[in-house]
Amino acid sequence: MKIIEGTSENFEKVVLKSKIPVLVDFNAVWCPPCQALHPTLEEMSEDSDEYQIVTVDVDEEQMLAGSYGVSSIPCLIVFKDGEEVDRRVGLQPRKRLEKILGVR
């Protein structure tokens, strides 16, 4: 699946009402760890249909980031059935991300 750009307009539909687990990456273009993580997320999104990856630019979506208490980036939140089930801050390896998504 392709990475979806998350916004306050589509967040409920693409994250909270998703039938599959969703990894939301709160990030910013000026953040080096965020940019280092992006290729991993791209690979993951191309390799599986078991989950969806959504990216949210905290500068563009300050209210959305604030509503989830995002204060450090990259902030990776896993949602299942509309509920937050895990949260990690900082650069994470692919295997850890897959583990918290419950795949592989």
PDB file of N, CA and C in Angstrom:
ATOM      1  N   MET A   1       0.836  -1.194   0.000  1.00  0.00           N
ATOM      2  CA  MET A   1       0.000   0.000   0.000  1.00  0.00           C
ATOM      3  C   MET A   1       0.872   1.245   0.000  1.00  0.00           C
ATOM      4  N   LYS A   2       0.363   2.263  -0.553  1.00  0.00           N
ATOM      5  CA  LYS A   2       1.069   3.533  -0.589  1.00  0.00           C
ATOM      6  C   LYS A   2       0.896   4.260   0.748  1.00  0.00           C
ATOM      7  N   ILE A   3       1.913   5.001   1.173  1.00  0.00           N
ATOM      8  CA  ILE A   3       1.809   5.817   2.382  1.00  0.00           C
ATOM      9  C   ILE A   3       0.765   6.905   2.132  1.00  0.00           C
ATOM     10  N   ILE A   4      -0.090   7.116   3.115  1.00  0.00           N
ATOM     11  CA  ILE A   4      -1.129   8.138   3.021  1.00  0.00           C
ATOM     12  C   ILE A   4      -0.696   9.359   3.826  1.00  0.00           C
ATOM     13  N   GLU A   5      -0.911  10.538   3.270  1.00  0.00           N
ATOM     14  CA  GLU A   5      -0.642  11.775   3.992  1.00  0.00           C
ATOM     15  C   GLU A   5      -1.842  12.056   4.897  1.00  0.00           C
ATOM     16  N   GLY A   6      -1.601  12.033   6.200  1.00  0.00           N
ATOM     17  CA  GLY A   6      -2.674  12.253   7.160  1.00  0.00           C
ATOM     18  C   GLY A   6      -2.918  13.724   7.420  1.00  0.00           C
ATOM     19  N   THR A   7      -4.196  14.096   7.462  1.00  0.00           N
ATOM     20  CA  THR A   7      -4.590  15.467   7.758  1.00  0.00           C
ATOM     21  C   THR A   7      -5.736  15.421   8.761  1.00  0.00           C
ATOM     22  N   SER A   8      -6.061  16.557   9.318  1.00  0.00           N
ATOM     23  CA  SER A   8      -7.189  16.605  10.240  1.00  0.00           C
ATOM     24  C   SER A   8      -8.489  16.246   9.513  1.00  0.00           C
ATOM     25  N   GLU A   9      -8.543  16.467   8.207  1.00  0.00           N
ATOM     26  CA  GLU A   9      -9.739  16.160   7.427  1.00  0.00           C
ATOM     27  C   GLU A   9      -9.924  14.659   7.193  1.00  0.00           C
ATOM     28  N   ASN A  10      -8.825  13.912   7.000  1.00  0.00           N
ATOM     29  CA  ASN A  10      -8.972  12.489   6.661  1.00  0.00           C
ATOM     30  C   ASN A  10      -8.565  11.535   7.781  1.00  0.00           C
ATOM     31  N   PHE A  11      -8.088  12.044   8.914  1.00  0.00           N
ATOM     32  CA  PHE A  11      -7.539  11.199   9.976  1.00  0.00           C
ATOM     33  C   PHE A  11      -8.558  10.178  10.486  1.00  0.00           C
ATOM     34  N   GLU A  12      -9.777  10.604  10.705  1.00  0.00           N
ATOM     35  CA  GLU A  12     -10.790   9.677  11.212  1.00  0.00           C
ATOM     36  C   GLU A  12     -11.001   8.525  10.230  1.00  0.00           C
ATOM     37  N   LYS A  13     -11.120   8.837   8.960  1.00  0.00           N
ATOM     38  CA  LYS A  13     -11.369   7.812   7.949  1.00  0.00           C
ATOM     39  C   LYS A  13     -10.183   6.869   7.778  1.00  0.00           C
ATOM     40  N   VAL A  14      -8.977   7.411   7.593  1.00  0.00           N
ATOM     41  CA  VAL A  14      -7.825   6.569   7.246  1.00  0.00           C
ATOM     42  C   VAL A  14      -7.152   5.921   8.457  1.00  0.00           C
ATOM     43  N   VAL A  15      -7.383   6.450   9.651  1.00  0.00           N
ATOM     44  CA  VAL A  15      -6.748   5.881  10.844  1.00  0.00           C
ATOM     45  C   VAL A  15      -7.778   5.271  11.787  1.00  0.00           C
ATOM     46  N   LEU A  16      -8.673   6.080  12.288  1.00  0.00           N
ATOM     47  CA  LEU A  16      -9.579   5.635  13.343  1.00  0.00           C
ATOM     48  C   LEU A  16     -10.618   4.623  12.868  1.00  0.00           C
ATOM     49  N   LYS A  17     -10.994   4.672  11.588  1.00  0.00           N
ATOM     50  CA  LYS A  17     -11.991   3.732  11.071  1.00  0.00           C
ATOM     51  C   LYS A  17     -11.371   2.632  10.204  1.00  0.00           C
ATOM     52  N   SER A  18     -10.059   2.516  10.213  1.00  0.00           N
ATOM     53  CA  SER A  18      -9.376   1.499   9.419  1.00  0.00           C
ATOM     54  C   SER A  18      -9.664   0.103   9.967  1.00  0.00           C
ATOM     55  N   LYS A  19      -9.830  -0.838   9.060  1.00  0.00           N
ATOM     56  CA  LYS A  19     -10.063  -2.239   9.427  1.00  0.00           C
ATOM     57  C   LYS A  19      -8.761  -2.984   9.688  1.00  0.00           C
ATOM     58  N   ILE A  20      -7.631  -2.380   9.312  1.00  0.00           N
ATOM     59  CA  ILE A  20      -6.319  -2.985   9.542  1.00  0.00           C
ATOM     60  C   ILE A  20      -5.504  -2.055  10.447  1.00  0.00           C
ATOM     61  N   PRO A  21      -4.445  -2.584  11.096  1.00  0.00           N
ATOM     62  CA  PRO A  21      -3.603  -1.723  11.931  1.00  0.00           C
ATOM     63  C   PRO A  21      -3.003  -0.577  11.120  1.00  0.00           C
ATOM     64  N   VAL A  22      -2.829   0.564  11.792  1.00  0.00           N
ATOM     65  CA  VAL A  22      -2.266   1.742  11.142  1.00  0.00           C
ATOM     66  C   VAL A  22      -1.098   2.262  11.971  1.00  0.00           C
ATOM     67  N   LEU A  23       0.022   2.491  11.309  1.00  0.00           N
ATOM     68  CA  LEU A  23       1.181   3.125  11.929  1.00  0.00           C
ATOM     69  C   LEU A  23       1.177   4.580  11.486  1.00  0.00           C
ATOM     70  N   VAL A  24       1.023   5.486  12.449  1.00  0.00           N
ATOM     71  CA  VAL A  24       1.020   6.915  12.136  1.00  0.00           C
ATOM     72  C   VAL A  24       2.381   7.482  12.508  1.00  0.00           C
ATOM     73  N   ASP A  25       3.026   8.093  11.539  1.00  0.00           N
ATOM     74  CA  ASP A  25       4.339   8.717  11.704  1.00  0.00           C
ATOM     75  C   ASP A  25       4.152  10.227  11.769  1.00  0.00           C
ATOM     76  N   PHE A  26       4.251  10.782  12.980  1.00  0.00           N
ATOM     77  CA  PHE A  26       4.228  12.245  13.144  1.00  0.00           C
ATOM     78  C   PHE A  26       5.655  12.721  12.932  1.00  0.00           C
ATOM     79  N   ASN A  27       5.868  13.627  11.973  1.00  0.00           N
ATOM     80  CA  ASN A  27       7.214  14.015  11.573  1.00  0.00           C
ATOM     81  C   ASN A  27       7.253  15.451  11.083  1.00  0.00           C
ATOM     82  N   ALA A  28       8.433  15.878  10.650  1.00  0.00           N
ATOM     83  CA  ALA A  28       8.622  17.198  10.035  1.00  0.00           C
ATOM     84  C   ALA A  28       9.759  17.111   9.025  1.00  0.00           C
ATOM     85  N   VAL A  29       9.701  17.942   8.002  1.00  0.00           N
ATOM     86  CA  VAL A  29      10.720  17.905   6.953  1.00  0.00           C
ATOM     87  C   VAL A  29      12.095  18.347   7.459  1.00  0.00           C
ATOM     88  N   TRP A  30      12.148  19.145   8.515  1.00  0.00           N
ATOM     89  CA  TRP A  30      13.421  19.651   9.031  1.00  0.00           C
ATOM     90  C   TRP A  30      14.062  18.700  10.046  1.00  0.00           C
ATOM     91  N   CYS A  31      13.441  17.556  10.315  1.00  0.00           N
ATOM     92  CA  CYS A  31      13.883  16.612  11.347  1.00  0.00           C
ATOM     93  C   CYS A  31      14.734  15.496  10.730  1.00  0.00           C
ATOM     94  N   PRO A  32      16.066  15.476  10.982  1.00  0.00           N
ATOM     95  CA  PRO A  32      16.915  14.431  10.386  1.00  0.00           C
ATOM     96  C   PRO A  32      16.498  12.997  10.727  1.00  0.00           C
ATOM     97  N   PRO A  33      16.156  12.664  11.987  1.00  0.00           N
ATOM     98  CA  PRO A  33      15.717  11.290  12.247  1.00  0.00           C
ATOM     99  C   PRO A  33      14.433  10.938  11.486  1.00  0.00           C
ATOM    100  N   CYS A  34      13.554  11.915  11.309  1.00  0.00           N
ATOM    101  CA  CYS A  34      12.321  11.683  10.539  1.00  0.00           C
ATOM    102  C   CYS A  34      12.664  11.333   9.096  1.00  0.00           C
ATOM    103  N   GLN A  35      13.592  12.063   8.520  1.00  0.00           N
ATOM    104  CA  GLN A  35      13.991  11.822   7.137  1.00  0.00           C
ATOM    105  C   GLN A  35      14.717  10.491   7.000  1.00  0.00           C
ATOM    106  N   ALA A  36      15.494  10.109   8.029  1.00  0.00           N
ATOM    107  CA  ALA A  36      16.192   8.825   8.009  1.00  0.00           C
ATOM    108  C   ALA A  36      15.202   7.657   8.097  1.00  0.00           C
ATOM    109  N   LEU A  37      14.087   7.845   8.774  1.00  0.00           N
ATOM    110  CA  LEU A  37      13.075   6.809   8.935  1.00  0.00           C
ATOM    111  C   LEU A  37      12.228   6.614   7.673  1.00  0.00           C
ATOM    112  N   HIS A  38      12.070   7.653   6.894  1.00  0.00           N
ATOM    113  CA  HIS A  38      11.156   7.615   5.752  1.00  0.00           C
ATOM    114  C   HIS A  38      11.412   6.461   4.765  1.00  0.00           C
ATOM    115  N   PRO A  39      12.670   6.172   4.378  1.00  0.00           N
ATOM    116  CA  PRO A  39      12.881   5.046   3.453  1.00  0.00           C
ATOM    117  C   PRO A  39      12.401   3.705   4.028  1.00  0.00           C
ATOM    118  N   THR A  40      12.559   3.509   5.318  1.00  0.00           N
ATOM    119  CA  THR A  40      12.079   2.282   5.963  1.00  0.00           C
ATOM    120  C   THR A  40      10.562   2.192   5.860  1.00  0.00           C
ATOM    121  N   LEU A  41       9.879   3.308   6.133  1.00  0.00           N
ATOM    122  CA  LEU A  41       8.421   3.323   6.036  1.00  0.00           C
ATOM    123  C   LEU A  41       7.959   3.093   4.603  1.00  0.00           C
ATOM    124  N   GLU A  42       8.679   3.647   3.638  1.00  0.00           N
ATOM    125  CA  GLU A  42       8.357   3.432   2.222  1.00  0.00           C
ATOM    126  C   GLU A  42       8.454   1.947   1.875  1.00  0.00           C
ATOM    127  N   GLU A  43       9.548   1.314   2.288  1.00  0.00           N
ATOM    128  CA  GLU A  43       9.731  -0.116   2.033  1.00  0.00           C
ATOM    129  C   GLU A  43       8.619  -0.927   2.673  1.00  0.00           C
ATOM    130  N   MET A  44       8.322  -0.621   3.932  1.00  0.00           N
ATOM    131  CA  MET A  44       7.272  -1.348   4.649  1.00  0.00           C
ATOM    132  C   MET A  44       5.934  -1.207   3.944  1.00  0.00           C
ATOM    133  N   SER A  45       5.633  -0.003   3.489  1.00  0.00           N
ATOM    134  CA  SER A  45       4.338   0.233   2.845  1.00  0.00           C
ATOM    135  C   SER A  45       4.206  -0.543   1.544  1.00  0.00           C
ATOM    136  N   GLU A  46       5.318  -0.773   0.861  1.00  0.00           N
ATOM    137  CA  GLU A  46       5.300  -1.506  -0.406  1.00  0.00           C
ATOM    138  C   GLU A  46       5.270  -3.017  -0.202  1.00  0.00           C
ATOM    139  N   ASP A  47       5.714  -3.477   0.974  1.00  0.00           N
ATOM    140  CA  ASP A  47       5.881  -4.907   1.220  1.00  0.00           C
ATOM    141  C   ASP A  47       4.664  -5.608   1.800  1.00  0.00           C
ATOM    142  N   SER A  48       3.682  -4.875   2.317  1.00  0.00           N
ATOM    143  CA  SER A  48       2.580  -5.561   2.990  1.00  0.00           C
ATOM    144  C   SER A  48       1.248  -4.842   2.846  1.00  0.00           C
ATOM    145  N   ASP A  49       0.197  -5.646   2.795  1.00  0.00           N
ATOM    146  CA  ASP A  49      -1.166  -5.126   2.824  1.00  0.00           C
ATOM    147  C   ASP A  49      -1.817  -5.400   4.176  1.00  0.00           C
ATOM    148  N   GLU A  50      -1.012  -5.876   5.150  1.00  0.00           N
ATOM    149  CA  GLU A  50      -1.525  -6.213   6.481  1.00  0.00           C
ATOM    150  C   GLU A  50      -1.728  -4.974   7.358  1.00  0.00           C
ATOM    151  N   TYR A  51      -1.160  -3.855   6.955  1.00  0.00           N
ATOM    152  CA  TYR A  51      -1.235  -2.623   7.734  1.00  0.00           C
ATOM    153  C   TYR A  51      -1.140  -1.433   6.792  1.00  0.00           C
ATOM    154  N   GLN A  52      -1.455  -0.263   7.331  1.00  0.00           N
ATOM    155  CA  GLN A  52      -1.373   0.986   6.567  1.00  0.00           C
ATOM    156  C   GLN A  52      -0.408   1.913   7.284  1.00  0.00           C
ATOM    157  N   ILE A  53       0.333   2.696   6.530  1.00  0.00           N
ATOM    158  CA  ILE A  53       1.207   3.711   7.112  1.00  0.00           C
ATOM    159  C   ILE A  53       0.668   5.075   6.708  1.00  0.00           C
ATOM    160  N   VAL A  54       0.537   5.934   7.718  1.00  0.00           N
ATOM    161  CA  VAL A  54       0.048   7.293   7.522  1.00  0.00           C
ATOM    162  C   VAL A  54       1.103   8.236   8.067  1.00  0.00           C
ATOM    163  N   THR A  55       1.441   9.265   7.320  1.00  0.00           N
ATOM    164  CA  THR A  55       2.427  10.238   7.760  1.00  0.00           C
ATOM    165  C   THR A  55       1.742  11.579   8.003  1.00  0.00           C
ATOM    166  N   VAL A  56       2.086  12.212   9.124  1.00  0.00           N
ATOM    167  CA  VAL A  56       1.488  13.496   9.490  1.00  0.00           C
ATOM    168  C   VAL A  56       2.607  14.505   9.729  1.00  0.00           C
ATOM    169  N   ASP A  57       2.611  15.575   8.972  1.00  0.00           N
ATOM    170  CA  ASP A  57       3.578  16.662   9.148  1.00  0.00           C
ATOM    171  C   ASP A  57       3.105  17.535  10.314  1.00  0.00           C
ATOM    172  N   VAL A  58       3.875  17.547  11.396  1.00  0.00           N
ATOM    173  CA  VAL A  58       3.452  18.273  12.596  1.00  0.00           C
ATOM    174  C   VAL A  58       3.393  19.780  12.393  1.00  0.00           C
ATOM    175  N   ASP A  59       4.147  20.301  11.441  1.00  0.00           N
ATOM    176  CA  ASP A  59       4.087  21.739  11.165  1.00  0.00           C
ATOM    177  C   ASP A  59       2.797  22.107  10.443  1.00  0.00           C
ATOM    178  N   GLU A  60       2.350  21.216   9.562  1.00  0.00           N
ATOM    179  CA  GLU A  60       1.117  21.448   8.815  1.00  0.00           C
ATOM    180  C   GLU A  60      -0.131  21.098   9.629  1.00  0.00           C
ATOM    181  N   GLU A  61       0.002  20.152  10.539  1.00  0.00           N
ATOM    182  CA  GLU A  61      -1.135  19.640  11.312  1.00  0.00           C
ATOM    183  C   GLU A  61      -0.879  19.760  12.813  1.00  0.00           C
ATOM    184  N   GLN A  62      -0.627  20.988  13.260  1.00  0.00           N
ATOM    185  CA  GLN A  62      -0.302  21.224  14.669  1.00  0.00           C
ATOM    186  C   GLN A  62      -1.421  20.805  15.611  1.00  0.00           C
ATOM    187  N   MET A  63      -2.662  21.064  15.245  1.00  0.00           N
ATOM    188  CA  MET A  63      -3.795  20.704  16.106  1.00  0.00           C
ATOM    189  C   MET A  63      -3.909  19.184  16.242  1.00  0.00           C
ATOM    190  N   LEU A  64      -3.730  18.484  15.150  1.00  0.00           N
ATOM    191  CA  LEU A  64      -3.810  17.026  15.166  1.00  0.00           C
ATOM    192  C   LEU A  64      -2.687  16.442  16.023  1.00  0.00           C
ATOM    193  N   ALA A  65      -1.469  16.923  15.823  1.00  0.00           N
ATOM    194  CA  ALA A  65      -0.339  16.458  16.630  1.00  0.00           C
ATOM    195  C   ALA A  65      -0.573  16.770  18.106  1.00  0.00           C
ATOM    196  N   GLY A  66      -1.079  17.943  18.390  1.00  0.00           N
ATOM    197  CA  GLY A  66      -1.361  18.335  19.770  1.00  0.00           C
ATOM    198  C   GLY A  66      -2.433  17.475  20.410  1.00  0.00           C
ATOM    199  N   SER A  67      -3.423  17.082  19.631  1.00  0.00           N
ATOM    200  CA  SER A  67      -4.510  16.274  20.193  1.00  0.00           C
ATOM    201  C   SER A  67      -4.031  14.878  20.592  1.00  0.00           C
ATOM    202  N   TYR A  68      -2.890  14.434  20.051  1.00  0.00           N
ATOM    203  CA  TYR A  68      -2.309  13.152  20.439  1.00  0.00           C
ATOM    204  C   TYR A  68      -1.074  13.327  21.320  1.00  0.00           C
ATOM    205  N   GLY A  69      -0.848  14.531  21.814  1.00  0.00           N
ATOM    206  CA  GLY A  69       0.241  14.774  22.755  1.00  0.00           C
ATOM    207  C   GLY A  69       1.626  14.573  22.172  1.00  0.00           C
ATOM    208  N   VAL A  70       1.776  14.825  20.880  1.00  0.00           N
ATOM    209  CA  VAL A  70       3.074  14.657  20.235  1.00  0.00           C
ATOM    210  C   VAL A  70       3.953  15.852  20.593  1.00  0.00           C
ATOM    211  N   SER A  71       5.044  15.574  21.320  1.00  0.00           N
ATOM    212  CA  SER A  71       5.953  16.648  21.708  1.00  0.00           C
ATOM    213  C   SER A  71       7.368  16.420  21.197  1.00  0.00           C
ATOM    214  N   SER A  72       7.675  15.188  20.765  1.00  0.00           N
ATOM    215  CA  SER A  72       8.972  14.862  20.176  1.00  0.00           C
ATOM    216  C   SER A  72       8.715  14.070  18.899  1.00  0.00           C
ATOM    217  N   ILE A  73       9.586  14.263  17.919  1.00  0.00           N
ATOM    218  CA  ILE A  73       9.426  13.555  16.657  1.00  0.00           C
ATOM    219  C   ILE A  73      10.732  12.883  16.245  1.00  0.00           C
ATOM    220  N   PRO A  74      10.687  11.830  15.446  1.00  0.00           N
ATOM    221  CA  PRO A  74       9.478  11.187  14.981  1.00  0.00           C
ATOM    222  C   PRO A  74       8.735  10.492  16.128  1.00  0.00           C
ATOM    223  N   CYS A  75       7.429  10.604  16.078  1.00  0.00           N
ATOM    224  CA  CYS A  75       6.557   9.937  17.041  1.00  0.00           C
ATOM    225  C   CYS A  75       5.713   8.954  16.242  1.00  0.00           C
ATOM    226  N   LEU A  76       5.841   7.681  16.577  1.00  0.00           N
ATOM    227  CA  LEU A  76       5.159   6.618  15.840  1.00  0.00           C
ATOM    228  C   LEU A  76       4.087   6.016  16.732  1.00  0.00           C
ATOM    229  N   ILE A  77       2.834   6.120  16.299  1.00  0.00           N
ATOM    230  CA  ILE A  77       1.710   5.609  17.081  1.00  0.00           C
ATOM    231  C   ILE A  77       0.994   4.549  16.262  1.00  0.00           C
ATOM    232  N   VAL A  78       0.762   3.397  16.887  1.00  0.00           N
ATOM    233  CA  VAL A  78       0.025   2.318  16.237  1.00  0.00           C
ATOM    234  C   VAL A  78      -1.417   2.351  16.724  1.00  0.00           C
ATOM    235  N   PHE A  79      -2.339   2.328  15.780  1.00  0.00           N
ATOM    236  CA  PHE A  79      -3.770   2.286  16.066  1.00  0.00           C
ATOM    237  C   PHE A  79      -4.331   0.967  15.557  1.00  0.00           C
ATOM    238  N   LYS A  80      -5.160   0.338  16.389  1.00  0.00           N
ATOM    239  CA  LYS A  80      -5.915  -0.852  15.981  1.00  0.00           C
ATOM    240  C   LYS A  80      -7.350  -0.627  16.413  1.00  0.00           C
ATOM    241  N   ASP A  81      -8.267  -0.822  15.489  1.00  0.00           N
ATOM    242  CA  ASP A  81      -9.689  -0.615  15.765  1.00  0.00           C
ATOM    243  C   ASP A  81      -9.967   0.774  16.350  1.00  0.00           C
ATOM    244  N   GLY A  82      -9.239   1.774  15.847  1.00  0.00           N
ATOM    245  CA  GLY A  82      -9.465   3.152  16.265  1.00  0.00           C
ATOM    246  C   GLY A  82      -8.840   3.550  17.590  1.00  0.00           C
ATOM    247  N   GLU A  83      -8.122   2.621  18.232  1.00  0.00           N
ATOM    248  CA  GLU A  83      -7.515   2.891  19.535  1.00  0.00           C
ATOM    249  C   GLU A  83      -5.996   2.860  19.434  1.00  0.00           C
ATOM    250  N   GLU A  84      -5.349   3.756  20.173  1.00  0.00           N
ATOM    251  CA  GLU A  84      -3.889   3.729  20.254  1.00  0.00           C
ATOM    252  C   GLU A  84      -3.464   2.513  21.063  1.00  0.00           C
ATOM    253  N   VAL A  85      -2.579   1.697  20.498  1.00  0.00           N
ATOM    254  CA  VAL A  85      -2.116   0.497  21.196  1.00  0.00           C
ATOM    255  C   VAL A  85      -0.624   0.507  21.486  1.00  0.00           C
ATOM    256  N   ASP A  86       0.122   1.383  20.836  1.00  0.00           N
ATOM    257  CA  ASP A  86       1.561   1.476  21.096  1.00  0.00           C
ATOM    258  C   ASP A  86       2.057   2.821  20.598  1.00  0.00           C
ATOM    259  N   ARG A  87       3.140   3.275  21.211  1.00  0.00           N
ATOM    260  CA  ARG A  87       3.738   4.561  20.844  1.00  0.00           C
ATOM    261  C   ARG A  87       5.238   4.468  21.051  1.00  0.00           C
ATOM    262  N   ARG A  88       5.982   4.934  20.068  1.00  0.00           N
ATOM    263  CA  ARG A  88       7.448   4.979  20.136  1.00  0.00           C
ATOM    264  C   ARG A  88       7.901   6.343  19.643  1.00  0.00           C
ATOM    265  N   VAL A  89       8.965   6.844  20.259  1.00  0.00           N
ATOM    266  CA  VAL A  89       9.536   8.120  19.846  1.00  0.00           C
ATOM    267  C   VAL A  89      10.970   7.880  19.411  1.00  0.00           C
ATOM    268  N   GLY A  90      11.336   8.483  18.288  1.00  0.00           N
ATOM    269  CA  GLY A  90      12.693   8.355  17.782  1.00  0.00           C
ATOM    270  C   GLY A  90      12.782   7.347  16.646  1.00  0.00           C
ATOM    271  N   LEU A  91      13.952   7.287  16.075  1.00  0.00           N
ATOM    272  CA  LEU A  91      14.228   6.389  14.956  1.00  0.00           C
ATOM    273  C   LEU A  91      14.100   4.942  15.427  1.00  0.00           C
ATOM    274  N   GLN A  92      13.310   4.140  14.725  1.00  0.00           N
ATOM    275  CA  GLN A  92      13.053   2.755  15.107  1.00  0.00           C
ATOM    276  C   GLN A  92      13.437   1.830  13.955  1.00  0.00           C
ATOM    277  N   PRO A  93      13.984   0.641  14.289  1.00  0.00           N
ATOM    278  CA  PRO A  93      14.279  -0.320  13.223  1.00  0.00           C
ATOM    279  C   PRO A  93      13.010  -0.980  12.699  1.00  0.00           C
ATOM    280  N   ARG A  94      13.068  -1.433  11.475  1.00  0.00           N
ATOM    281  CA  ARG A  94      11.905  -2.043  10.828  1.00  0.00           C
ATOM    282  C   ARG A  94      11.337  -3.206  11.637  1.00  0.00           C
ATOM    283  N   LYS A  95      12.189  -4.084  12.143  1.00  0.00           N
ATOM    284  CA  LYS A  95      11.705  -5.253  12.884  1.00  0.00           C
ATOM    285  C   LYS A  95      10.882  -4.843  14.099  1.00  0.00           C
ATOM    286  N   ARG A  96      11.295  -3.788  14.782  1.00  0.00           N
ATOM    287  CA  ARG A  96      10.527  -3.315  15.938  1.00  0.00           C
ATOM    288  C   ARG A  96       9.176  -2.762  15.503  1.00  0.00           C
ATOM    289  N   LEU A  97       9.163  -2.028  14.409  1.00  0.00           N
ATOM    290  CA  LEU A  97       7.901  -1.487  13.899  1.00  0.00           C
ATOM    291  C   LEU A  97       6.948  -2.602  13.490  1.00  0.00           C
ATOM    292  N   GLU A  98       7.479  -3.625  12.831  1.00  0.00           N
ATOM    293  CA  GLU A  98       6.634  -4.753  12.445  1.00  0.00           C
ATOM    294  C   GLU A  98       6.110  -5.487  13.673  1.00  0.00           C
ATOM    295  N   LYS A  99       6.941  -5.587  14.700  1.00  0.00           N
ATOM    296  CA  LYS A  99       6.526  -6.268  15.931  1.00  0.00           C
ATOM    297  C   LYS A  99       5.365  -5.508  16.600  1.00  0.00           C
ATOM    298  N   ILE A 100       5.479  -4.177  16.700  1.00  0.00           N
ATOM    299  CA  ILE A 100       4.409  -3.431  17.365  1.00  0.00           C
ATOM    300  C   ILE A 100       3.139  -3.369  16.515  1.00  0.00           C
ATOM    301  N   LEU A 101       3.296  -3.593  15.194  1.00  0.00           N
ATOM    302  CA  LEU A 101       2.122  -3.687  14.320  1.00  0.00           C
ATOM    303  C   LEU A 101       1.483  -5.076  14.388  1.00  0.00           C
ATOM    304  N   GLY A 102       2.238  -6.025  14.945  1.00  0.00           N
ATOM    305  CA  GLY A 102       1.718  -7.390  15.076  1.00  0.00           C
ATOM    306  C   GLY A 102       1.837  -8.222  13.811  1.00  0.00           C
ATOM    307  N   VAL A 103       2.847  -7.921  13.007  1.00  0.00           N
ATOM    308  CA  VAL A 103       3.072  -8.693  11.777  1.00  0.00           C
ATOM    309  C   VAL A 103       4.453  -9.323  11.795  1.00  0.00           C
ATOM    310  N   ARG A 104       4.567 -10.398  11.030  1.00  0.00           N
ATOM    311  CA  ARG A 104       5.818 -11.154  10.885  1.00  0.00           C
ATOM    312  C   ARG A 104       6.264 -11.715  12.172  1.00  0.00           C
TER     313      ARG A 104
END
